[in-house]
Amino acid sequence: MLLRPFLNDSGSCASYLFGCTTHRMLAVVDAHADLVDDYVAAAEAIGSPIGAVFETHVQADHVSGLPALVARTGATAYLPAGAGVDFEHVALADGEVVELGNTVVTAIATPGHAPAHHAYAVADRRRGDEEPWLVFSGDSLLVGDVGRPDLHVAGDARGQARLLHSSLRRLLELPGHVLLYPSHYGGSVCGRGLSSNPFSSIGFERAHNPLLAIGDADAFADALVADAPPRPADQDRIVAANRSGTAVVPA
């Protein structure tokens, strides 16, 4: 299985090109509008087309590259069921599987940062089984932190935080060796204490992420809603663009 991270330091956003080169089936997770040319160039250099674009959720801090990437490549767009977008896509339910040759992607519903949010567990059949090798966690589980619960709701941040508490328990059921690839790292406004190291593992976060040590859902919610940082600049226009499939944010 191929995996290529793309880091955009201007917003501390991480996205990923991955998939099966044997069957020439690649995908991008949480594409950034500024990097569409880079994904396409990388796929062309590898010699495999991009046939799928996954979003973990509707982004609030940057314009998604999904519409432009779909237009460029003809790829299929995959989003969580209930994402509320206005463009053609496949709505994935919890547990649904997308096969990219030997690469197997399983949707895991992880609401809390956003009401409709998925992580994507990825297995490689060439490794002998379909146990996950890695997980794209979006803005649910971050390195040293978790996603903030207040960006995508109106006045129900505590309720979203309790949902996130349950979602994180689901991710912690994955084996400790599963590699963790979130969609943000240190400097992002989508968390408060993110590590500048963009990648981790389930086992390392289980042992060292302080928020995962809070077992009580109400105490977890208290910790998450206290001293929330400012919302992303132009959040409302960014979300509207990402829901409509507009490639740029209107002035």
Protein backbone atom coordinates (compact mmCIF):
# COMPACT_ATOMS: atom_id res chain seq x y z
CA MET A 1 0.00 0.00 0.00
CA LEU A 2 1.19 3.48 -0.84
CA LEU A 3 0.91 6.40 1.61
CA ARG A 4 2.02 9.99 1.00
CA PRO A 5 1.28 12.69 3.61
CA PHE A 6 0.81 16.31 2.51
CA LEU A 7 1.33 18.95 5.21
CA ASN A 8 0.13 22.52 4.76
CA ASP A 9 1.83 24.63 7.42
CA SER A 10 -0.23 27.75 6.73
CA GLY A 11 -3.18 26.14 8.53
CA SER A 12 -1.47 23.11 10.07
CA CYS A 13 -3.61 20.83 7.91
CA ALA A 14 -2.65 17.27 6.97
CA SER A 15 -4.06 15.35 4.02
CA TYR A 16 -3.06 12.04 2.52
CA LEU A 17 -2.69 10.28 -0.82
CA PHE A 18 -2.94 6.51 -0.38
CA GLY A 19 -4.07 3.32 -2.01
CA CYS A 20 -3.14 0.29 -4.06
CA THR A 21 -0.59 0.66 -6.83
CA THR A 22 -0.96 -3.00 -7.86
CA HIS A 23 -4.51 -2.31 -9.03
CA ARG A 24 -3.78 1.39 -9.74
CA MET A 25 -6.42 2.73 -7.35
CA LEU A 26 -5.49 5.77 -5.25
CA ALA A 27 -7.49 8.06 -2.96
CA VAL A 28 -7.06 11.33 -1.07
CA VAL A 29 -8.31 12.03 2.46
CA ASP A 30 -9.31 15.57 3.51
CA ALA A 31 -7.97 17.23 0.39
CA HIS A 32 -6.90 20.87 0.75
CA ALA A 33 -7.78 23.34 -2.02
CA ASP A 34 -4.20 24.65 -2.11
CA LEU A 35 -2.74 21.21 -2.83
CA VAL A 36 -4.89 19.84 -5.64
CA ASP A 37 -2.10 20.22 -8.21
CA ASP A 38 0.28 18.41 -5.84
CA TYR A 39 -2.02 15.40 -5.38
CA VAL A 40 -2.51 15.10 -9.13
CA ALA A 41 1.20 15.45 -9.86
CA ALA A 42 2.11 12.84 -7.24
CA ALA A 43 -0.44 10.37 -8.61
CA GLU A 44 0.84 10.90 -12.14
CA ALA A 45 4.42 10.32 -11.01
CA ILE A 46 3.35 7.12 -9.26
CA GLY A 47 1.45 6.00 -12.34
CA SER A 48 -1.90 5.36 -10.65
CA PRO A 49 -5.03 7.52 -10.97
CA ILE A 50 -6.98 9.07 -8.10
CA GLY A 51 -10.35 7.34 -8.05
CA ALA A 52 -11.73 8.34 -4.64
CA VAL A 53 -11.72 11.40 -2.39
CA PHE A 54 -12.74 10.92 1.25
CA GLU A 55 -13.76 13.68 3.64
CA THR A 56 -13.82 12.94 7.35
CA HIS A 57 -16.25 15.84 7.82
CA VAL A 58 -17.19 19.24 6.43
CA GLN A 59 -14.15 21.38 7.21
CA ALA A 60 -14.50 24.70 9.04
CA ASP A 61 -10.97 26.09 8.86
CA HIS A 62 -10.02 25.73 5.19
CA VAL A 63 -11.57 25.28 1.78
CA SER A 64 -11.76 21.64 0.76
CA GLY A 65 -9.96 20.49 -2.36
CA LEU A 66 -12.56 17.78 -2.97
CA PRO A 67 -14.62 19.59 -5.65
CA ALA A 68 -11.59 20.60 -7.69
CA LEU A 69 -9.99 17.18 -7.32
CA VAL A 70 -13.18 15.40 -8.39
CA ALA A 71 -13.47 17.74 -11.38
CA ARG A 72 -9.85 17.10 -12.37
CA THR A 73 -9.84 13.32 -11.96
CA GLY A 74 -13.45 12.10 -12.14
CA ALA A 75 -12.99 10.52 -8.71
CA THR A 76 -15.91 9.49 -6.52
CA ALA A 77 -16.53 11.66 -3.45
CA TYR A 78 -17.18 9.87 -0.13
CA LEU A 79 -18.51 11.67 2.97
CA PRO A 80 -20.17 10.60 6.21
CA ALA A 81 -23.91 10.06 6.01
CA GLY A 82 -25.67 13.18 7.23
CA ALA A 83 -22.87 15.56 6.23
CA GLY A 84 -25.45 17.86 4.64
CA VAL A 85 -23.57 18.72 1.46
CA ASP A 86 -25.21 19.83 -1.78
CA PHE A 87 -23.07 18.02 -4.34
CA GLU A 88 -22.98 14.49 -5.72
CA HIS A 89 -21.29 12.03 -3.37
CA VAL A 90 -21.55 8.61 -1.76
CA ALA A 91 -22.83 8.88 1.81
CA LEU A 92 -21.05 6.29 3.95
CA ALA A 93 -22.72 4.78 7.00
CA ASP A 94 -20.84 3.51 10.02
CA GLY A 95 -19.03 0.29 9.14
CA GLU A 96 -19.32 0.62 5.37
CA VAL A 97 -16.32 -0.54 3.37
CA VAL A 98 -14.72 0.89 0.23
CA GLU A 99 -12.24 -1.35 -1.60
CA LEU A 100 -9.35 0.15 -3.53
CA GLY A 101 -7.73 -2.98 -4.88
CA ASN A 102 -5.75 -4.47 -1.98
CA THR A 103 -6.46 -1.42 0.17
CA VAL A 104 -9.62 -1.72 2.28
CA VAL A 105 -11.16 1.39 3.86
CA THR A 106 -13.71 1.03 6.67
CA ALA A 107 -15.76 4.00 7.89
CA ILE A 108 -15.94 4.46 11.67
CA ALA A 109 -18.54 6.96 12.87
CA THR A 110 -16.78 9.35 15.24
CA PRO A 111 -19.13 12.30 15.86
CA GLY A 112 -18.22 15.01 18.33
CA HIS A 113 -15.97 17.46 16.57
CA ALA A 114 -18.74 17.62 13.97
CA PRO A 115 -22.13 15.88 14.15
CA ALA A 116 -21.29 13.94 10.96
CA HIS A 117 -17.69 12.78 11.25
CA HIS A 118 -15.89 9.59 10.22
CA ALA A 119 -12.51 8.14 10.86
CA TYR A 120 -11.29 5.71 8.19
CA ALA A 121 -9.49 2.53 9.21
CA VAL A 122 -7.29 1.19 6.43
CA ALA A 123 -6.11 -2.39 5.90
CA ASP A 124 -3.82 -3.90 3.28
CA ARG A 125 -4.75 -7.37 2.03
CA ARG A 126 -1.13 -8.03 1.05
CA ARG A 127 -0.26 -8.13 4.75
CA GLY A 128 -2.22 -11.35 5.06
CA ASP A 129 -5.43 -10.19 6.76
CA GLU A 130 -7.76 -7.23 6.98
CA GLU A 131 -6.70 -5.98 10.42
CA PRO A 132 -6.26 -2.19 10.26
CA TRP A 133 -2.77 -0.93 9.60
CA LEU A 134 -3.58 2.74 10.06
CA VAL A 135 -6.46 5.10 10.76
CA PHE A 136 -7.21 8.53 9.32
CA SER A 137 -8.83 10.15 12.33
CA GLY A 138 -9.80 13.52 10.89
CA ASP A 139 -10.43 15.98 13.74
CA SER A 140 -11.55 13.40 16.31
CA LEU A 141 -8.32 12.02 17.82
CA LEU A 142 -5.31 14.30 17.36
CA VAL A 143 -1.72 13.88 18.50
CA GLY A 144 -1.68 14.91 22.15
CA ASP A 145 -5.17 16.37 21.90
CA VAL A 146 -8.72 15.85 20.58
CA GLY A 147 -10.90 17.93 18.29
CA ARG A 148 -12.78 20.87 19.75
CA PRO A 149 -16.57 20.31 19.98
CA ASP A 150 -17.88 23.85 19.45
CA LEU A 151 -17.30 24.69 15.78
CA HIS A 152 -20.17 22.85 14.10
CA VAL A 153 -23.01 23.30 16.60
CA ALA A 154 -25.04 26.18 17.96
CA GLY A 155 -25.01 26.12 21.74
CA ASP A 156 -24.50 22.38 22.26
CA ALA A 157 -20.74 22.08 22.66
CA ARG A 158 -21.13 19.97 25.82
CA GLY A 159 -23.40 17.51 24.04
CA GLN A 160 -20.94 17.23 21.18
CA ALA A 161 -18.11 16.75 23.67
CA ARG A 162 -19.92 13.81 25.25
CA LEU A 163 -20.42 12.30 21.78
CA LEU A 164 -16.71 12.76 21.12
CA HIS A 165 -15.91 10.98 24.39
CA SER A 166 -17.78 7.91 23.13
CA SER A 167 -16.21 8.19 19.67
CA LEU A 168 -12.71 8.21 21.12
CA ARG A 169 -13.51 5.04 23.06
CA ARG A 170 -14.29 3.40 19.72
CA LEU A 171 -10.93 4.44 18.29
CA LEU A 172 -9.15 3.17 21.39
CA GLU A 173 -10.56 -0.28 20.65
CA LEU A 174 -8.18 -0.45 17.69
CA PRO A 175 -4.90 -2.32 18.31
CA GLY A 176 -2.13 -0.21 19.80
CA HIS A 177 0.13 -0.67 16.78
CA VAL A 178 -2.37 1.03 14.43
CA LEU A 179 -0.78 4.19 13.08
CA LEU A 180 -2.64 7.45 13.63
CA TYR A 181 -2.86 10.04 10.86
CA PRO A 182 -5.04 13.01 11.89
CA SER A 183 -6.01 15.98 9.74
CA HIS A 184 -4.35 18.66 11.89
CA TYR A 185 -1.17 19.18 13.91
CA GLY A 186 0.36 21.86 16.13
CA GLY A 187 -0.77 25.37 15.18
CA SER A 188 -4.29 24.42 14.10
CA VAL A 189 -7.29 26.15 15.67
CA CYS A 190 -9.16 22.82 15.67
CA GLY A 191 -7.51 21.83 18.94
CA ARG A 192 -5.66 23.44 21.82
CA GLY A 193 -2.69 21.29 22.75
CA LEU A 194 -1.76 19.55 19.52
CA SER A 195 1.72 18.19 19.12
CA SER A 196 3.91 19.57 16.36
CA ASN A 197 4.59 15.92 15.46
CA PRO A 198 1.76 15.25 12.98
CA PHE A 199 1.65 11.44 13.31
CA SER A 200 1.34 8.95 16.15
CA SER A 201 -0.19 5.57 17.00
CA ILE A 202 -3.24 4.42 18.91
CA GLY A 203 -1.02 2.87 21.59
CA PHE A 204 1.08 6.00 22.09
CA GLU A 205 -1.99 8.22 22.38
CA ARG A 206 -3.62 5.76 24.77
CA ALA A 207 -0.57 6.03 27.01
CA HIS A 208 0.26 9.73 26.69
CA ASN A 209 -2.72 11.80 25.52
CA PRO A 210 -4.03 13.50 28.70
CA LEU A 211 -7.59 13.90 27.45
CA LEU A 212 -7.92 10.17 26.84
CA ALA A 213 -7.26 9.60 30.52
CA ILE A 214 -10.53 11.33 31.47
CA GLY A 215 -12.95 8.45 31.86
CA ASP A 216 -16.05 10.40 32.89
CA ALA A 217 -17.94 11.94 29.97
CA ASP A 218 -19.07 15.00 31.92
CA ALA A 219 -15.58 15.73 33.20
CA PHE A 220 -14.31 15.30 29.65
CA ALA A 221 -16.91 17.79 28.40
CA ASP A 222 -15.92 20.28 31.12
CA ALA A 223 -12.30 20.07 30.02
CA LEU A 224 -13.14 20.56 26.34
CA VAL A 225 -15.46 23.55 26.62
CA ALA A 226 -13.26 25.52 29.03
CA ASP A 227 -11.24 28.36 27.49
CA ALA A 228 -12.08 27.54 23.88
CA PRO A 229 -9.79 29.32 21.40
CA PRO A 230 -11.24 31.72 18.80
CA ARG A 231 -13.15 30.29 15.88
CA PRO A 232 -11.38 30.04 12.53
CA ALA A 233 -11.38 33.21 10.48
CA ASP A 234 -14.20 33.24 7.89
CA GLN A 235 -15.59 29.99 9.29
CA ASP A 236 -19.16 30.58 8.13
CA ARG A 237 -18.13 31.29 4.54
CA ILE A 238 -15.70 28.36 4.50
CA VAL A 239 -18.36 25.94 5.75
CA ALA A 240 -20.87 27.28 3.22
CA ALA A 241 -18.37 26.80 0.40
CA ASN A 242 -17.54 23.28 1.53
CA ARG A 243 -21.20 22.31 1.82
CA SER A 244 -22.02 23.66 -1.63
CA GLY A 245 -18.95 22.19 -3.31
CA THR A 246 -17.70 25.63 -4.31
CA ALA A 247 -13.97 25.53 -4.97
CA VAL A 248 -13.34 29.04 -3.62
CA VAL A 249 -14.71 31.09 -0.75
CA PRO A 250 -16.81 34.05 -2.02
CA ALA A 251 -15.52 37.47 -0.99
